[in-house]
C-alpha atoms as a PDB file:
ATOM      1  CA  MET A   1      70.439  83.654 -47.611  1.00  0.00           C
ATOM      2  CA  ASN A   2      68.138  86.194 -45.955  1.00  0.00           C
ATOM      3  CA  ALA A   3      70.282  88.462 -43.754  1.00  0.00           C
ATOM      4  CA  THR A   4      68.149  91.599 -43.881  1.00  0.00           C
ATOM      5  CA  GLU A   5      66.912  91.363 -40.281  1.00  0.00           C
ATOM      6  CA  PRO A   6      68.302  93.978 -37.833  1.00  0.00           C
ATOM      7  CA  LEU A   7      71.262  92.400 -36.043  1.00  0.00           C
ATOM      8  CA  LEU A   8      72.716  93.182 -32.610  1.00  0.00           C
ATOM      9  CA  LEU A   9      76.326  92.167 -31.935  1.00  0.00           C
ATOM     10  CA  ILE A  10      77.426  92.125 -28.288  1.00  0.00           C
ATOM     11  CA  ALA A  11      81.151  92.236 -27.521  1.00  0.00           C
ATOM     12  CA  PHE A  12      83.582  93.080 -24.734  1.00  0.00           C
ATOM     13  CA  ASN A  13      87.288  92.216 -24.401  1.00  0.00           C
ATOM     14  CA  ARG A  14      87.831  89.372 -26.862  1.00  0.00           C
ATOM     15  CA  PRO A  15      88.839  91.013 -30.147  1.00  0.00           C
ATOM     16  CA  ASP A  16      90.073  87.699 -31.578  1.00  0.00           C
ATOM     17  CA  LEU A  17      86.587  86.217 -31.289  1.00  0.00           C
ATOM     18  CA  PHE A  18      84.867  89.372 -32.499  1.00  0.00           C
ATOM     19  CA  GLU A  19      87.081  89.368 -35.584  1.00  0.00           C
ATOM     20  CA  CYS A  20      86.066  85.756 -36.287  1.00  0.00           C
ATOM     21  CA  LEU A  21      82.411  86.725 -36.035  1.00  0.00           C
ATOM     22  CA  ILE A  22      82.832  89.685 -38.398  1.00  0.00           C
ATOM     23  CA  GLU A  23      84.529  87.459 -40.973  1.00  0.00           C
ATOM     24  CA  ARG A  24      81.713  84.923 -40.702  1.00  0.00           C
ATOM     25  CA  LEU A  25      79.131  87.690 -41.188  1.00  0.00           C
ATOM     26  CA  ARG A  26      80.968  88.804 -44.310  1.00  0.00           C
ATOM     27  CA  GLU A  27      79.585  85.652 -45.964  1.00  0.00           C
ATOM     28  CA  THR A  28      75.943  86.770 -45.595  1.00  0.00           C
ATOM     29  CA  LYS A  29      76.433  90.549 -45.275  1.00  0.00           C
ATOM     30  CA  PRO A  30      73.618  91.576 -42.919  1.00  0.00           C
ATOM     31  CA  GLN A  31      72.652  95.135 -43.791  1.00  0.00           C
ATOM     32  CA  LYS A  32      71.442  96.703 -40.528  1.00  0.00           C
ATOM     33  CA  ILE A  33      73.880  96.168 -37.681  1.00  0.00           C
ATOM     34  CA  TYR A  34      74.040  97.406 -34.099  1.00  0.00           C
ATOM     35  CA  VAL A  35      77.205  96.816 -32.055  1.00  0.00           C
ATOM     36  CA  ALA A  36      77.360  97.123 -28.243  1.00  0.00           C
ATOM     37  CA  VAL A  37      80.727  96.912 -26.486  1.00  0.00           C
ATOM     38  CA  ASP A  38      81.031  96.971 -22.696  1.00  0.00           C
ATOM     39  CA  GLY A  39      83.739  99.068 -21.025  1.00  0.00           C
ATOM     40  CA  PRO A  40      86.937  97.811 -19.345  1.00  0.00           C
ATOM     41  CA  ARG A  41      86.907  96.623 -15.746  1.00  0.00           C
ATOM     42  CA  PRO A  42      88.867  98.958 -13.442  1.00  0.00           C
ATOM     43  CA  ASP A  43      90.682  96.090 -11.689  1.00  0.00           C
ATOM     44  CA  HIS A  44      91.796  94.353 -14.905  1.00  0.00           C
ATOM     45  CA  SER A  45      94.636  96.317 -16.511  1.00  0.00           C
ATOM     46  CA  GLU A  46      94.588  94.101 -19.613  1.00  0.00           C
ATOM     47  CA  ASP A  47      90.987  95.037 -20.410  1.00  0.00           C
ATOM     48  CA  ALA A  48      91.535  98.546 -21.782  1.00  0.00           C
ATOM     49  CA  PRO A  49      93.688  97.598 -24.811  1.00  0.00           C
ATOM     50  CA  LYS A  50      91.503  94.575 -25.589  1.00  0.00           C
ATOM     51  CA  VAL A  51      88.316  96.633 -25.426  1.00  0.00           C
ATOM     52  CA  ALA A  52      89.934  99.339 -27.579  1.00  0.00           C
ATOM     53  CA  ARG A  53      90.946  96.757 -30.191  1.00  0.00           C
ATOM     54  CA  THR A  54      87.420  95.301 -30.137  1.00  0.00           C
ATOM     55  CA  ARG A  55      85.951  98.727 -30.852  1.00  0.00           C
ATOM     56  CA  GLU A  56      88.449  99.335 -33.663  1.00  0.00           C
ATOM     57  CA  LEU A  57      87.236  96.175 -35.378  1.00  0.00           C
ATOM     58  CA  ILE A  58      83.783  97.706 -35.899  1.00  0.00           C
ATOM     59  CA  ALA A  59      85.309  99.702 -38.770  1.00  0.00           C
ATOM     60  CA  THR A  60      86.003  96.427 -40.618  1.00  0.00           C
ATOM     61  CA  ILE A  61      82.240  95.921 -41.075  1.00  0.00           C
ATOM     62  CA  ASP A  62      82.619  97.533 -44.484  1.00  0.00           C
ATOM     63  CA  TRP A  63      79.838  95.909 -46.549  1.00  0.00           C
ATOM     64  CA  THR A  64      77.124  98.222 -45.169  1.00  0.00           C
ATOM     65  CA  ASP A  65      76.880 101.844 -44.092  1.00  0.00           C
ATOM     66  CA  ASP A  66      74.102 101.102 -41.582  1.00  0.00           C
ATOM     67  CA  VAL A  67      76.138 100.369 -38.420  1.00  0.00           C
ATOM     68  CA  GLN A  68      75.261 101.906 -35.053  1.00  0.00           C
ATOM     69  CA  THR A  69      77.405 101.559 -31.934  1.00  0.00           C
ATOM     70  CA  LEU A  70      76.964 101.686 -28.174  1.00  0.00           C
ATOM     71  CA  ALA A  71      80.303 101.864 -26.354  1.00  0.00           C
ATOM     72  CA  GLN A  72      80.277 101.910 -22.545  1.00  0.00           C
ATOM     73  CA  GLU A  73      83.022 103.936 -20.890  1.00  0.00           C
ATOM     74  CA  SER A  74      82.921 101.864 -17.699  1.00  0.00           C
ATOM     75  CA  ASN A  75      82.156  98.203 -17.225  1.00  0.00           C
ATOM     76  CA  LEU A  76      78.524  97.272 -16.621  1.00  0.00           C
ATOM     77  CA  GLY A  77      79.107  93.536 -16.266  1.00  0.00           C
ATOM     78  CA  CYS A  78      77.278  90.630 -17.835  1.00  0.00           C
ATOM     79  CA  GLY A  79      73.834  91.349 -16.403  1.00  0.00           C
ATOM     80  CA  ARG A  80      73.554  95.112 -16.846  1.00  0.00           C
ATOM     81  CA  GLY A  81      75.833  95.194 -19.880  1.00  0.00           C
ATOM     82  CA  VAL A  82      73.874  92.765 -22.039  1.00  0.00           C
ATOM     83  CA  SER A  83      70.449  93.888 -20.856  1.00  0.00           C
ATOM     84  CA  THR A  84      71.370  97.538 -21.519  1.00  0.00           C
ATOM     85  CA  ALA A  85      72.503  96.585 -25.034  1.00  0.00           C
ATOM     86  CA  LEU A  86      69.271  94.706 -25.696  1.00  0.00           C
ATOM     87  CA  SER A  87      67.127  97.565 -24.418  1.00  0.00           C
ATOM     88  CA  TRP A  88      69.064  99.997 -26.645  1.00  0.00           C
ATOM     89  CA  PHE A  89      68.519  97.708 -29.643  1.00  0.00           C
ATOM     90  CA  PHE A  90      64.804  97.138 -29.064  1.00  0.00           C
ATOM     91  CA  GLY A  91      64.333 100.806 -28.333  1.00  0.00           C
ATOM     92  CA  GLN A  92      64.953 101.277 -32.052  1.00  0.00           C
ATOM     93  CA  GLU A  93      63.772  98.010 -33.610  1.00  0.00           C
ATOM     94  CA  GLU A  94      60.526  96.039 -33.348  1.00  0.00           C
ATOM     95  CA  ARG A  95      62.379  92.757 -33.736  1.00  0.00           C
ATOM     96  CA  GLY A  96      65.829  91.413 -34.515  1.00  0.00           C
ATOM     97  CA  ILE A  97      68.602  88.849 -34.186  1.00  0.00           C
ATOM     98  CA  ILE A  98      71.212  88.767 -31.398  1.00  0.00           C
ATOM     99  CA  LEU A  99      74.728  87.343 -31.555  1.00  0.00           C
ATOM    100  CA  GLU A 100      77.380  87.567 -28.868  1.00  0.00           C
ATOM    101  CA  ASP A 101      81.013  87.792 -29.933  1.00  0.00           C
ATOM    102  CA  ASP A 102      81.750  84.067 -29.551  1.00  0.00           C
ATOM    103  CA  ILE A 103      78.850  82.761 -31.667  1.00  0.00           C
ATOM    104  CA  LEU A 104      79.410  81.857 -35.321  1.00  0.00           C
ATOM    105  CA  PRO A 105      76.167  81.280 -37.267  1.00  0.00           C
ATOM    106  CA  GLN A 106      75.573  79.087 -40.282  1.00  0.00           C
ATOM    107  CA  PRO A 107      74.229  81.050 -43.298  1.00  0.00           C
ATOM    108  CA  THR A 108      70.691  79.650 -42.997  1.00  0.00           C
ATOM    109  CA  PHE A 109      70.504  80.761 -39.349  1.00  0.00           C
ATOM    110  CA  PHE A 110      69.368  84.183 -40.555  1.00  0.00           C
ATOM    111  CA  SER A 111      66.584  82.847 -42.773  1.00  0.00           C
ATOM    112  CA  PHE A 112      65.496  80.536 -39.953  1.00  0.00           C
ATOM    113  CA  CYS A 113      65.135  83.487 -37.588  1.00  0.00           C
ATOM    114  CA  THR A 114      63.386  85.731 -40.119  1.00  0.00           C
ATOM    115  CA  GLU A 115      60.848  83.090 -41.121  1.00  0.00           C
ATOM    116  CA  LEU A 116      59.876  82.361 -37.525  1.00  0.00           C
ATOM    117  CA  LEU A 117      59.895  86.028 -36.524  1.00  0.00           C
ATOM    118  CA  ASP A 118      57.325  86.518 -39.282  1.00  0.00           C
ATOM    119  CA  ARG A 119      55.321  83.408 -38.404  1.00  0.00           C
ATOM    120  CA  TYR A 120      54.964  84.104 -34.682  1.00  0.00           C
ATOM    121  CA  ALA A 121      55.079  87.908 -34.614  1.00  0.00           C
ATOM    122  CA  ASP A 122      51.606  88.183 -33.062  1.00  0.00           C
ATOM    123  CA  ASP A 123      51.553  84.866 -31.191  1.00  0.00           C
ATOM    124  CA  GLN A 124      51.764  85.720 -27.496  1.00  0.00           C
ATOM    125  CA  ARG A 125      52.641  82.100 -26.680  1.00  0.00           C
ATOM    126  CA  VAL A 126      56.066  82.526 -28.307  1.00  0.00           C
ATOM    127  CA  LEU A 127      58.804  84.309 -26.357  1.00  0.00           C
ATOM    128  CA  ALA A 128      61.789  83.960 -28.691  1.00  0.00           C
ATOM    129  CA  ILE A 129      63.542  82.068 -31.505  1.00  0.00           C
ATOM    130  CA  SER A 130      66.731  80.033 -30.924  1.00  0.00           C
ATOM    131  CA  GLY A 131      69.118  78.592 -33.489  1.00  0.00           C
ATOM    132  CA  CYS A 132      71.019  76.632 -30.849  1.00  0.00           C
ATOM    133  CA  ASN A 133      70.306  72.927 -30.392  1.00  0.00           C
ATOM    134  CA  PHE A 134      71.955  70.504 -27.972  1.00  0.00           C
ATOM    135  CA  VAL A 135      69.431  67.657 -28.024  1.00  0.00           C
ATOM    136  CA  PRO A 136      70.168  64.488 -30.082  1.00  0.00           C
ATOM    137  CA  GLN A 137      67.489  63.519 -32.590  1.00  0.00           C
ATOM    138  CA  GLU A 138      66.573  60.375 -30.657  1.00  0.00           C
ATOM    139  CA  PHE A 139      65.508  62.574 -27.749  1.00  0.00           C
ATOM    140  CA  GLN A 140      63.325  64.869 -29.861  1.00  0.00           C
ATOM    141  CA  SER A 141      59.640  64.012 -30.130  1.00  0.00           C
ATOM    142  CA  HIS A 142      59.478  65.026 -33.799  1.00  0.00           C
ATOM    143  CA  PRO A 143      62.996  65.113 -35.282  1.00  0.00           C
ATOM    144  CA  GLU A 144      61.467  65.185 -38.775  1.00  0.00           C
ATOM    145  CA  LEU A 145      60.302  68.760 -38.074  1.00  0.00           C
ATOM    146  CA  PRO A 146      62.727  71.687 -38.404  1.00  0.00           C
ATOM    147  CA  TYR A 147      62.028  73.112 -34.934  1.00  0.00           C
ATOM    148  CA  ARG A 148      60.285  72.469 -31.636  1.00  0.00           C
ATOM    149  CA  PHE A 149      59.207  74.522 -28.631  1.00  0.00           C
ATOM    150  CA  SER A 150      61.038  74.708 -25.313  1.00  0.00           C
ATOM    151  CA  ARG A 151      60.427  76.442 -22.001  1.00  0.00           C
ATOM    152  CA  VAL A 152      64.027  77.677 -21.965  1.00  0.00           C
ATOM    153  CA  PRO A 153      65.372  80.211 -24.510  1.00  0.00           C
ATOM    154  CA  HIS A 154      68.916  79.147 -25.436  1.00  0.00           C
ATOM    155  CA  ILE A 155      70.691  82.393 -26.263  1.00  0.00           C
ATOM    156  CA  TRP A 156      73.642  81.219 -28.367  1.00  0.00           C
ATOM    157  CA  GLY A 157      72.250  82.783 -31.524  1.00  0.00           C
ATOM    158  CA  TRP A 158      68.679  83.904 -31.014  1.00  0.00           C
ATOM    159  CA  ALA A 159      66.013  86.387 -32.033  1.00  0.00           C
ATOM    160  CA  THR A 160      62.952  87.998 -30.517  1.00  0.00           C
ATOM    161  CA  TRP A 161      60.534  90.915 -30.650  1.00  0.00           C
ATOM    162  CA  ARG A 162      60.315  94.148 -28.694  1.00  0.00           C
ATOM    163  CA  ARG A 163      57.044  92.846 -27.175  1.00  0.00           C
ATOM    164  CA  SER A 164      59.005  89.997 -25.537  1.00  0.00           C
ATOM    165  CA  TRP A 165      62.066  91.942 -24.446  1.00  0.00           C
ATOM    166  CA  GLU A 166      59.894  94.548 -22.708  1.00  0.00           C
ATOM    167  CA  LEU A 167      58.920  91.825 -20.218  1.00  0.00           C
ATOM    168  CA  HIS A 168      62.512  91.492 -18.993  1.00  0.00           C
ATOM    169  CA  SER A 169      63.753  92.746 -15.629  1.00  0.00           C
ATOM    170  CA  LEU A 170      67.016  92.094 -13.797  1.00  0.00           C
ATOM    171  CA  ASP A 171      65.202  92.474 -10.479  1.00  0.00           C
ATOM    172  CA  MET A 172      64.138  89.057  -9.207  1.00  0.00           C
ATOM    173  CA  SER A 173      63.467  90.058  -5.592  1.00  0.00           C
ATOM    174  CA  ASN A 174      59.736  89.282  -5.845  1.00  0.00           C
ATOM    175  CA  TRP A 175      59.936  86.147  -7.962  1.00  0.00           C
ATOM    176  CA  ARG A 176      58.282  83.907  -5.342  1.00  0.00           C
ATOM    177  CA  HIS A 177      55.336  86.284  -5.131  1.00  0.00           C
ATOM    178  CA  ARG A 178      54.949  86.217  -8.916  1.00  0.00           C
ATOM    179  CA  MET A 179      55.437  82.471  -9.442  1.00  0.00           C
ATOM    180  CA  GLY A 180      53.490  80.138  -7.177  1.00  0.00           C
ATOM    181  CA  LEU A 181      54.466  76.548  -6.502  1.00  0.00           C
ATOM    182  CA  LYS A 182      52.026  75.191  -9.093  1.00  0.00           C
ATOM    183  CA  ARG A 183      53.466  77.336 -11.884  1.00  0.00           C
ATOM    184  CA  LEU A 184      57.035  76.517 -10.772  1.00  0.00           C
ATOM    185  CA  TRP A 185      56.188  72.797 -10.804  1.00  0.00           C
ATOM    186  CA  GLU A 186      54.716  72.997 -14.314  1.00  0.00           C
ATOM    187  CA  SER A 187      57.557  75.172 -15.635  1.00  0.00           C
ATOM    188  CA  SER A 188      60.111  72.711 -14.240  1.00  0.00           C
ATOM    189  CA  GLY A 189      58.696  69.824 -16.251  1.00  0.00           C
ATOM    190  CA  ARG A 190      56.774  68.471 -13.254  1.00  0.00           C
ATOM    191  CA  THR A 191      59.942  67.030 -11.719  1.00  0.00           C
ATOM    192  CA  LEU A 192      61.315  67.566  -8.227  1.00  0.00           C
ATOM    193  CA  GLN A 193      64.876  67.941  -9.540  1.00  0.00           C
ATOM    194  CA  GLY A 194      63.816  70.588 -12.036  1.00  0.00           C
ATOM    195  CA  MET A 195      61.782  72.429  -9.439  1.00  0.00           C
ATOM    196  CA  LEU A 196      64.702  72.522  -6.970  1.00  0.00           C
ATOM    197  CA  PHE A 197      67.103  73.597  -9.727  1.00  0.00           C
ATOM    198  CA  TRP A 198      65.058  76.558 -10.951  1.00  0.00           C
ATOM    199  CA  ARG A 199      64.110  77.571  -7.421  1.00  0.00           C
ATOM    200  CA  SER A 200      67.795  77.706  -6.447  1.00  0.00           C
ATOM    201  CA  ILE A 201      68.666  79.685  -9.610  1.00  0.00           C
ATOM    202  CA  PHE A 202      65.898  82.214  -9.059  1.00  0.00           C
ATOM    203  CA  ASP A 203      66.843  82.590  -5.384  1.00  0.00           C
ATOM    204  CA  LEU A 204      70.469  83.287  -6.337  1.00  0.00           C
ATOM    205  CA  LEU A 205      69.289  85.901  -8.830  1.00  0.00           C
ATOM    206  CA  ALA A 206      67.054  87.489  -6.185  1.00  0.00           C
ATOM    207  CA  ARG A 207      70.114  87.825  -3.925  1.00  0.00           C
ATOM    208  CA  ASN A 208      72.224  89.216  -6.821  1.00  0.00           C
ATOM    209  CA  GLN A 209      74.679  86.334  -6.507  1.00  0.00           C
ATOM    210  CA  ILE A 210      74.803  85.608 -10.252  1.00  0.00           C
ATOM    211  CA  ASP A 211      75.757  88.354 -12.684  1.00  0.00           C
ATOM    212  CA  THR A 212      73.625  87.398 -15.662  1.00  0.00           C
ATOM    213  CA  TRP A 213      70.510  88.417 -17.579  1.00  0.00           C
ATOM    214  CA  ASP A 214      69.302  85.319 -19.439  1.00  0.00           C
ATOM    215  CA  MET A 215      67.877  83.395 -16.480  1.00  0.00           C
ATOM    216  CA  GLN A 216      65.681  86.410 -15.711  1.00  0.00           C
ATOM    217  CA  TYR A 217      64.427  86.220 -19.310  1.00  0.00           C
ATOM    218  CA  THR A 218      63.776  82.499 -18.836  1.00  0.00           C
ATOM    219  CA  PHE A 219      61.769  83.323 -15.709  1.00  0.00           C
ATOM    220  CA  GLU A 220      59.598  85.848 -17.543  1.00  0.00           C
ATOM    221  CA  GLY A 221      58.755  83.214 -20.128  1.00  0.00           C
ATOM    222  CA  MET A 222      58.057  80.556 -17.515  1.00  0.00           C
ATOM    223  CA  VAL A 223      55.827  82.713 -15.359  1.00  0.00           C
ATOM    224  CA  ARG A 224      53.719  83.635 -18.394  1.00  0.00           C
ATOM    225  CA  GLY A 225      53.688  80.203 -20.019  1.00  0.00           C
ATOM    226  CA  MET A 226      55.601  81.453 -23.087  1.00  0.00           C
ATOM    227  CA  TRP A 227      57.897  79.189 -25.133  1.00  0.00           C
ATOM    228  CA  THR A 228      60.880  79.441 -27.463  1.00  0.00           C
ATOM    229  CA  ALA A 229      60.897  78.079 -31.008  1.00  0.00           C
ATOM    230  CA  THR A 230      64.144  76.061 -31.062  1.00  0.00           C
ATOM    231  CA  SER A 231      65.883  74.581 -34.079  1.00  0.00           C
ATOM    232  CA  ASN A 232      66.008  70.763 -34.153  1.00  0.00           C
ATOM    233  CA  VAL A 233      69.461  71.001 -35.732  1.00  0.00           C
ATOM    234  CA  ASN A 234      72.269  73.165 -34.442  1.00  0.00           C
ATOM    235  CA  LEU A 235      72.764  76.338 -36.497  1.00  0.00           C
ATOM    236  CA  VAL A 236      75.587  77.978 -34.509  1.00  0.00           C
ATOM    237  CA  ASP A 237      79.036  77.288 -33.061  1.00  0.00           C
ATOM    238  CA  ASN A 238      80.273  78.689 -29.761  1.00  0.00           C
ATOM    239  CA  ILE A 239      84.035  79.306 -29.953  1.00  0.00           C
ATOM    240  CA  GLY A 240      84.281  81.159 -26.654  1.00  0.00           C
ATOM    241  CA  PHE A 241      85.132  78.450 -24.145  1.00  0.00           C
ATOM    242  CA  GLY A 242      88.056  79.173 -21.858  1.00  0.00           C
ATOM    243  CA  ALA A 243      89.137  80.979 -18.724  1.00  0.00           C
ATOM    244  CA  GLU A 244      88.307  84.445 -20.075  1.00  0.00           C
ATOM    245  CA  ALA A 245      84.671  83.480 -20.596  1.00  0.00           C
ATOM    246  CA  THR A 246      82.198  84.629 -17.947  1.00  0.00           C
ATOM    247  CA  HIS A 247      80.033  81.510 -17.764  1.00  0.00           C
ATOM    248  CA  THR A 248      81.530  79.028 -20.283  1.00  0.00           C
ATOM    249  CA  GLU A 249      84.987  78.069 -19.039  1.00  0.00           C
ATOM    250  CA  ILE A 250      84.753  74.353 -19.875  1.00  0.00           C
ATOM    251  CA  ARG A 251      83.562  73.063 -23.246  1.00  0.00           C
ATOM    252  CA  PRO A 252      80.640  70.707 -22.532  1.00  0.00           C
ATOM    253  CA  ASN A 253      80.331  67.328 -24.216  1.00  0.00           C
ATOM    254  CA  TYR A 254      76.732  67.924 -25.338  1.00  0.00           C
ATOM    255  CA  LEU A 255      77.684  70.449 -28.063  1.00  0.00           C
ATOM    256  CA  ARG A 256      76.576  69.439 -31.539  1.00  0.00           C
ATOM    257  CA  THR A 257      78.166  70.176 -34.897  1.00  0.00           C
ATOM    258  CA  SER A 258      76.480  73.076 -36.657  1.00  0.00           C
ATOM    259  CA  VAL A 259      74.766  72.522 -40.005  1.00  0.00           C
ATOM    260  CA  ASN A 260      72.460  74.424 -42.322  1.00  0.00           C
ATOM    261  CA  ILE A 261      68.702  73.912 -42.324  1.00  0.00           C
ATOM    262  CA  GLU A 262      66.267  73.524 -45.190  1.00  0.00           C
ATOM    263  CA  ILE A 263      64.300  76.681 -45.965  1.00  0.00           C
ATOM    264  CA  PRO A 264      61.320  77.266 -46.031  1.00  0.00           C
ATOM    265  CA  LEU A 265      60.421  75.698 -42.686  1.00  0.00           C
ATOM    266  CA  VAL A 266      57.618  73.202 -42.248  1.00  0.00           C
ATOM    267  CA  GLU A 267      55.350  74.538 -39.496  1.00  0.00           C
ATOM    268  CA  ALA A 268      55.576  72.812 -36.103  1.00  0.00           C
ATOM    269  CA  PRO A 269      52.759  72.664 -33.528  1.00  0.00           C
ATOM    270  CA  VAL A 270      53.062  75.263 -30.750  1.00  0.00           C
ATOM    271  CA  GLU A 271      53.546  72.845 -27.866  1.00  0.00           C
ATOM    272  CA  VAL A 272      56.488  72.037 -25.628  1.00  0.00           C
ATOM    273  CA  ASP A 273      58.590  69.058 -26.655  1.00  0.00           C
ATOM    274  CA  GLU A 274      58.647  67.428 -23.212  1.00  0.00           C
ATOM    275  CA  LEU A 275      61.103  64.715 -24.289  1.00  0.00           C
ATOM    276  CA  ALA A 276      63.674  67.258 -25.523  1.00  0.00           C
ATOM    277  CA  ASP A 277      63.173  69.524 -22.517  1.00  0.00           C
ATOM    278  CA  ALA A 278      63.715  66.568 -20.169  1.00  0.00           C
ATOM    279  CA  TRP A 279      67.011  65.746 -21.916  1.00  0.00           C
ATOM    280  CA  SER A 280      68.155  69.372 -21.633  1.00  0.00           C
ATOM    281  CA  ARG A 281      67.134  69.511 -17.993  1.00  0.00           C
ATOM    282  CA  THR A 282      69.350  66.532 -17.190  1.00  0.00           C
ATOM    283  CA  HIS A 283      72.323  66.986 -19.527  1.00  0.00           C
ATOM    284  CA  VAL A 284      72.551  70.747 -20.126  1.00  0.00           C
ATOM    285  CA  PHE A 285      71.294  72.243 -16.874  1.00  0.00           C
ATOM    286  CA  GLN A 286      72.272  69.200 -14.799  1.00  0.00           C
ATOM    287  CA  ALA A 287      69.096  69.465 -12.768  1.00  0.00           C
ATOM    288  CA  THR A 288      70.003  66.356 -10.790  1.00  0.00           C
ATOM    289  CA  ALA A 289      71.283  65.904  -7.250  1.00  0.00           C
ATOM    290  CA  GLY A 290      74.836  65.290  -8.469  1.00  0.00           C
ATOM    291  CA  GLY A 291      74.634  68.081 -10.987  1.00  0.00           C
ATOM    292  CA  MET A 292      73.583  70.654  -8.419  1.00  0.00           C
ATOM    293  CA  VAL A 293      76.468  69.676  -6.130  1.00  0.00           C
ATOM    294  CA  GLY A 294      78.851  70.035  -9.069  1.00  0.00           C
ATOM    295  CA  GLN A 295      77.466  73.466  -9.913  1.00  0.00           C
ATOM    296  CA  GLY A 296      78.047  74.547  -6.336  1.00  0.00           C
ATOM    297  CA  PHE A 297      81.699  73.495  -6.530  1.00  0.00           C
ATOM    298  CA  ARG A 298      82.186  75.292  -9.844  1.00  0.00           C
ATOM    299  CA  TYR A 299      80.637  78.453  -8.415  1.00  0.00           C
ATOM    300  CA  LEU A 300      83.037  78.377  -5.448  1.00  0.00           C
ATOM    301  CA  LYS A 301      85.983  77.690  -7.748  1.00  0.00           C
ATOM    302  CA  ARG A 302      85.222  80.770  -9.824  1.00  0.00           C
ATOM    303  CA  LYS A 303      85.001  82.874  -6.684  1.00  0.00           C
ATOM    304  CA  LEU A 304      88.098  81.568  -4.894  1.00  0.00           C
ATOM    305  CA  LEU A 305      90.679  80.475  -7.470  1.00  0.00           C
ATOM    306  CA  PRO A 306      92.600  82.507 -10.067  1.00  0.00           C
ATOM    307  CA  THR A 307      92.042  81.575 -13.689  1.00  0.00           C
ATOM    308  CA  PRO A 308      94.799  80.949 -16.263  1.00  0.00           C
ATOM    309  CA  THR A 309      95.248  83.065 -19.357  1.00  0.00           C
ATOM    310  CA  TRP A 310      93.490  81.896 -22.484  1.00  0.00           C
ATOM    311  CA  GLY A 311      93.210  82.722 -26.162  1.00  0.00           C
ATOM    312  CA  ASP A 312      91.177  81.592 -29.126  1.00  0.00           C
ATOM    313  CA  ARG A 313      91.421  81.261 -32.872  1.00  0.00           C
ATOM    314  CA  CYS A 314      88.794  81.084 -35.593  1.00  0.00           C
ATOM    315  CA  PRO A 315      87.793  77.495 -36.386  1.00  0.00           C
END
């Protein structure tokens, strides 16, 4: 399998998951690796030893000498931490693959990313590549093709170019000035529920009420009419669900078993799969009246209630 693409690994305080990822990577032995580890939170005494153990595990990447590290002394959080890591990575590489510590890729994930990074390197319509698929085949317009295009970049195992990442900004204060109602309507799949969902998300980001980075990246793609090449089969597993996760406490029922994909890839037309995006909008993002109420309750729960301890093992 082709694992020669520059690879960024993003980790924090879950050494058990990071160790699982390293062992999975040992199967394909990517040769150029960057590792970014955020610093411990000052109000979480258990962070320091977990972060230290995570950093120690970098030494177990022993199949290549080309490993660079970025270790933060203090905690930057999800938004600044991940975006800082990505900017560091793309400050040195024109393109590459990104895996967070809880994502385990299938071997052909790397070839999938490389082939599409080559194919769409100069295509300004394409924002990113994603190996993560939630949508059942019966809700894909062309399930016989290896990939489709979506307005939303799923970032559980993904790749992109420096040209795309340079568009990113955490600052969403002027999003309404940049995206008019017509563009928001089109980017939301021309549905009222989708429009209200994304408007509420972007407003929360503008008020700094969500500590994240990926929805800002989604916005930059939407406002420019750029799309993500998304695998029609699932190429990755997320093993990071639990109370210690920042945004994935509960394992959703839409997750699909990961498989390998046939390489080389038949070329797909560069157009949004509206059927698949509609399914994701309803089932993944829950852009429905009931879904938005549920998201509000979950947000309040995270803010007001303590979370239990949690651990994970390699599958």
